[in-house]
Amino acid sequence: MRFAVLVEISLRAGIADPQGATIERALPALGFDAIHGVRAGKAIRFTIDADAEAAARAHVDDLCRRFLTNPVIEDASVTLQLVP
């Protein structure tokens, strides 16, 4: 089975986000006065072959923990979708 994977990585609550703060400070000059609490992150997309969704999730979780994120300051949200 093949799964499409989306890993969304964000800074943990309480960790300073200078990129998000810069974006938020610029928004009023562009007419976006009602937007607050901007946090920046990154998204990584790929496919993975696995026998079952649970196995795919376990592999992706291990990949996130060992390579894609800094688990001290970042959280990862994983979405899997079966590829037809």
C-alpha atoms as a PDB file:
ATOM      1  CA  MET A   1       0.000   0.000   0.000  1.00  0.00           C
ATOM      2  CA  ARG A   2       1.144   3.542  -0.689  1.00  0.00           C
ATOM      3  CA  PHE A   3       0.247   6.506   1.508  1.00  0.00           C
ATOM      4  CA  ALA A   4       0.490  10.233   0.828  1.00  0.00           C
ATOM      5  CA  VAL A   5       1.987  11.899   3.878  1.00  0.00           C
ATOM      6  CA  LEU A   6       1.724  15.485   5.078  1.00  0.00           C
ATOM      7  CA  VAL A   7       3.919  16.449   8.032  1.00  0.00           C
ATOM      8  CA  GLU A   8       3.136  19.886   9.481  1.00  0.00           C
ATOM      9  CA  ILE A   9       5.846  21.152  11.805  1.00  0.00           C
ATOM     10  CA  SER A  10       5.270  24.012  14.227  1.00  0.00           C
ATOM     11  CA  LEU A  11       7.080  25.523  17.161  1.00  0.00           C
ATOM     12  CA  ARG A  12       5.835  24.374  20.557  1.00  0.00           C
ATOM     13  CA  ALA A  13       3.736  26.744  22.640  1.00  0.00           C
ATOM     14  CA  GLY A  14       5.934  29.162  24.556  1.00  0.00           C
ATOM     15  CA  ILE A  15       8.787  29.050  22.017  1.00  0.00           C
ATOM     16  CA  ALA A  16       9.497  32.446  20.453  1.00  0.00           C
ATOM     17  CA  ASP A  17       8.522  32.639  16.781  1.00  0.00           C
ATOM     18  CA  PRO A  18      10.358  35.613  15.233  1.00  0.00           C
ATOM     19  CA  GLN A  19       9.167  34.761  11.717  1.00  0.00           C
ATOM     20  CA  GLY A  20       5.532  34.701  12.833  1.00  0.00           C
ATOM     21  CA  ALA A  21       6.023  37.958  14.761  1.00  0.00           C
ATOM     22  CA  THR A  22       7.510  39.665  11.693  1.00  0.00           C
ATOM     23  CA  ILE A  23       4.572  38.549   9.555  1.00  0.00           C
ATOM     24  CA  GLU A  24       2.082  39.737  12.173  1.00  0.00           C
ATOM     25  CA  ARG A  25       3.730  43.180  12.447  1.00  0.00           C
ATOM     26  CA  ALA A  26       3.537  43.621   8.650  1.00  0.00           C
ATOM     27  CA  LEU A  27      -0.144  42.706   8.291  1.00  0.00           C
ATOM     28  CA  PRO A  28      -1.729  46.015   9.411  1.00  0.00           C
ATOM     29  CA  ALA A  29       0.226  47.922   6.738  1.00  0.00           C
ATOM     30  CA  LEU A  30      -1.395  45.608   4.174  1.00  0.00           C
ATOM     31  CA  GLY A  31      -4.890  46.181   5.531  1.00  0.00           C
ATOM     32  CA  PHE A  32      -5.163  42.984   7.581  1.00  0.00           C
ATOM     33  CA  ASP A  33      -5.865  44.502  11.009  1.00  0.00           C
ATOM     34  CA  ALA A  34      -7.958  41.652  12.423  1.00  0.00           C
ATOM     35  CA  ILE A  35      -5.279  38.924  12.283  1.00  0.00           C
ATOM     36  CA  HIS A  36      -3.479  38.017  15.511  1.00  0.00           C
ATOM     37  CA  GLY A  37      -1.381  35.177  16.909  1.00  0.00           C
ATOM     38  CA  VAL A  38       0.538  34.398  13.719  1.00  0.00           C
ATOM     39  CA  ARG A  39       2.806  31.356  14.004  1.00  0.00           C
ATOM     40  CA  ALA A  40       5.009  30.189  11.137  1.00  0.00           C
ATOM     41  CA  GLY A  41       5.839  26.564  10.416  1.00  0.00           C
ATOM     42  CA  LYS A  42       6.703  24.214   7.597  1.00  0.00           C
ATOM     43  CA  ALA A  43       4.995  21.443   5.662  1.00  0.00           C
ATOM     44  CA  ILE A  44       6.720  18.392   4.197  1.00  0.00           C
ATOM     45  CA  ARG A  45       4.919  16.098   1.717  1.00  0.00           C
ATOM     46  CA  PHE A  46       6.005  12.673   0.462  1.00  0.00           C
ATOM     47  CA  THR A  47       4.720   9.150  -0.167  1.00  0.00           C
ATOM     48  CA  ILE A  48       5.573   6.015   1.768  1.00  0.00           C
ATOM     49  CA  ASP A  49       5.037   2.324   1.075  1.00  0.00           C
ATOM     50  CA  ALA A  50       3.821   0.217   4.016  1.00  0.00           C
ATOM     51  CA  ASP A  51       1.723  -2.864   4.673  1.00  0.00           C
ATOM     52  CA  ALA A  52      -0.825  -0.937   6.763  1.00  0.00           C
ATOM     53  CA  GLU A  53      -1.615   2.590   7.927  1.00  0.00           C
ATOM     54  CA  ALA A  54      -0.340   1.832  11.435  1.00  0.00           C
ATOM     55  CA  ALA A  55       3.042   0.758  10.041  1.00  0.00           C
ATOM     56  CA  ALA A  56       3.250   3.845   7.838  1.00  0.00           C
ATOM     57  CA  ARG A  57       2.421   6.095  10.790  1.00  0.00           C
ATOM     58  CA  ALA A  58       5.053   4.404  12.944  1.00  0.00           C
ATOM     59  CA  HIS A  59       7.715   4.944  10.256  1.00  0.00           C
ATOM     60  CA  VAL A  60       6.743   8.593   9.770  1.00  0.00           C
ATOM     61  CA  ASP A  61       6.653   9.235  13.526  1.00  0.00           C
ATOM     62  CA  ASP A  62      10.168   7.769  13.795  1.00  0.00           C
ATOM     63  CA  LEU A  63      11.326   9.908  10.844  1.00  0.00           C
ATOM     64  CA  CYS A  64       9.922  13.028  12.511  1.00  0.00           C
ATOM     65  CA  ARG A  65      11.539  12.221  15.837  1.00  0.00           C
ATOM     66  CA  ARG A  66      14.946  11.343  14.377  1.00  0.00           C
ATOM     67  CA  PHE A  67      15.306  13.724  11.419  1.00  0.00           C
ATOM     68  CA  LEU A  68      12.519  16.124  10.432  1.00  0.00           C
ATOM     69  CA  THR A  69      11.957  17.945  13.736  1.00  0.00           C
ATOM     70  CA  ASN A  70      13.807  19.187  16.758  1.00  0.00           C
ATOM     71  CA  PRO A  71      11.635  17.491  19.399  1.00  0.00           C
ATOM     72  CA  VAL A  72      12.806  19.944  22.069  1.00  0.00           C
ATOM     73  CA  ILE A  73      11.147  22.957  20.401  1.00  0.00           C
ATOM     74  CA  GLU A  74       8.930  21.588  17.596  1.00  0.00           C
ATOM     75  CA  ASP A  75       5.774  19.504  17.288  1.00  0.00           C
ATOM     76  CA  ALA A  76       4.756  17.500  14.224  1.00  0.00           C
ATOM     77  CA  SER A  77       1.260  16.728  13.010  1.00  0.00           C
ATOM     78  CA  VAL A  78       1.055  13.799  10.581  1.00  0.00           C
ATOM     79  CA  THR A  79      -1.736  13.197   8.071  1.00  0.00           C
ATOM     80  CA  LEU A  80      -1.844   9.995   6.017  1.00  0.00           C
ATOM     81  CA  GLN A  81      -4.030   9.317   2.996  1.00  0.00           C
ATOM     82  CA  LEU A  82      -4.180   6.065   1.050  1.00  0.00           C
ATOM     83  CA  VAL A  83      -3.088   6.577  -2.565  1.00  0.00           C
ATOM     84  CA  PRO A  84      -5.384   4.710  -4.960  1.00  0.00           C
END
